[in-house]
Amino acid sequence: MADVLVPVEILGQTYPIRSRLDQRYVEELATYVDAKMKAAAEVTPNVDSLRLAVLAALNIADEFFRSRDGLVQDEPLVAERIRQIEQLIDEALQPGIA
């Protein structure tokens, strides 16, 4: 299967994704990432898109690890988890901390 260029939109930005995956699947992945970034933006307003991307990536990684370990459950505490992850990022990004 040849590479296909799939334009996707995440947080209002269009990204051309070159992939051998099915176009609909790539679009579904982008929609999922977009939703995670929007959820992070709702909980942590006024932050830049890079920070939102990191928060979304950490949340997705957490979901993956929990799923991999058979621990995924519908949790109403997603906003709290995002706040905790943001605090960890803030601490890690403070000047002078290596």
Protein backbone atom coordinates (compact mmCIF):
# COMPACT_ATOMS: atom_id res chain seq x y z
CA MET A 1 0.00 0.00 0.00
CA ALA A 2 1.35 3.42 -0.98
CA ASP A 3 1.61 6.40 1.31
CA VAL A 4 -1.44 8.64 1.27
CA LEU A 5 -1.57 12.30 2.30
CA VAL A 6 -4.41 12.82 4.76
CA PRO A 7 -5.20 16.39 5.84
CA VAL A 8 -6.44 16.44 9.43
CA GLU A 9 -7.49 19.28 11.72
CA ILE A 10 -6.44 19.49 15.35
CA LEU A 11 -7.28 22.59 17.42
CA GLY A 12 -8.08 24.55 14.29
CA GLN A 13 -4.74 23.76 12.62
CA THR A 14 -4.57 21.61 9.50
CA TYR A 15 -1.82 19.01 9.36
CA PRO A 16 -0.99 16.97 6.26
CA ILE A 17 -0.30 13.44 7.53
CA ARG A 18 1.50 11.06 5.19
CA SER A 19 0.63 7.49 6.11
CA ARG A 20 0.06 4.00 4.80
CA LEU A 21 -2.84 3.61 7.19
CA ASP A 22 -6.44 3.81 6.03
CA GLN A 23 -7.48 7.45 5.56
CA ARG A 24 -10.58 7.07 7.74
CA TYR A 25 -8.47 5.56 10.52
CA VAL A 26 -6.00 8.48 10.40
CA GLU A 27 -8.93 10.90 10.52
CA GLU A 28 -10.36 9.00 13.50
CA LEU A 29 -7.02 9.23 15.31
CA ALA A 30 -6.85 12.96 14.63
CA THR A 31 -10.41 13.44 15.89
CA TYR A 32 -9.49 11.62 19.09
CA VAL A 33 -6.37 13.75 19.61
CA ASP A 34 -8.37 16.90 18.86
CA ALA A 35 -10.96 15.92 21.49
CA LYS A 36 -8.23 15.24 24.08
CA MET A 37 -6.59 18.60 23.40
CA LYS A 38 -9.95 20.39 23.64
CA ALA A 39 -10.64 18.63 26.95
CA ALA A 40 -7.26 19.77 28.26
CA ALA A 41 -8.00 23.32 27.05
CA GLU A 42 -11.31 23.36 28.95
CA VAL A 43 -9.59 22.43 32.19
CA THR A 44 -6.50 24.57 31.67
CA PRO A 45 -7.53 27.71 29.77
CA ASN A 46 -5.02 30.25 28.50
CA VAL A 47 -2.17 27.82 27.87
CA ASP A 48 -0.25 27.45 24.64
CA SER A 49 -0.90 24.66 22.17
CA LEU A 50 2.40 22.92 22.96
CA ARG A 51 1.42 22.55 26.60
CA LEU A 52 -2.04 21.32 25.56
CA ALA A 53 -0.39 18.78 23.26
CA VAL A 54 1.81 17.53 26.10
CA LEU A 55 -1.19 17.26 28.43
CA ALA A 56 -3.19 15.41 25.79
CA ALA A 57 -0.27 13.10 25.03
CA LEU A 58 0.18 12.26 28.70
CA ASN A 59 -3.53 11.60 29.08
CA ILE A 60 -3.53 9.34 26.01
CA ALA A 61 -0.43 7.53 27.28
CA ASP A 62 -2.16 7.04 30.64
CA GLU A 63 -5.22 5.58 28.89
CA PHE A 64 -2.98 3.29 26.87
CA PHE A 65 -1.05 2.06 29.91
CA ARG A 66 -4.25 1.47 31.87
CA SER A 67 -5.80 -0.31 28.90
CA ARG A 68 -2.69 -2.39 28.41
CA ASP A 69 -2.76 -3.32 32.07
CA GLY A 70 -6.50 -4.01 31.99
CA LEU A 71 -7.31 -1.12 34.32
CA VAL A 72 -9.39 1.16 32.08
CA GLN A 73 -12.70 2.16 33.57
CA ASP A 74 -14.95 5.11 32.91
CA GLU A 75 -13.62 7.64 35.38
CA PRO A 76 -15.41 10.88 36.20
CA LEU A 77 -12.11 12.27 37.49
CA VAL A 78 -10.48 13.03 34.12
CA ALA A 79 -10.36 16.77 34.86
CA GLU A 80 -8.55 16.09 38.14
CA ARG A 81 -6.06 13.83 36.39
CA ILE A 82 -5.38 16.56 33.83
CA ARG A 83 -4.79 19.08 36.63
CA GLN A 84 -2.35 16.68 38.30
CA ILE A 85 -0.49 16.11 35.03
CA GLU A 86 -0.36 19.85 34.39
CA GLN A 87 1.15 20.38 37.83
CA LEU A 88 3.84 17.80 37.06
CA ILE A 89 4.62 19.55 33.77
CA ASP A 90 4.74 22.95 35.46
CA GLU A 91 7.18 21.61 38.02
CA ALA A 92 9.33 19.96 35.34
CA LEU A 93 9.45 23.10 33.20
CA GLN A 94 10.47 25.49 35.98
CA PRO A 95 13.78 27.23 35.20
CA GLY A 96 16.79 25.78 36.92
CA ILE A 97 15.39 22.27 37.19
CA ALA A 98 17.26 19.69 35.17
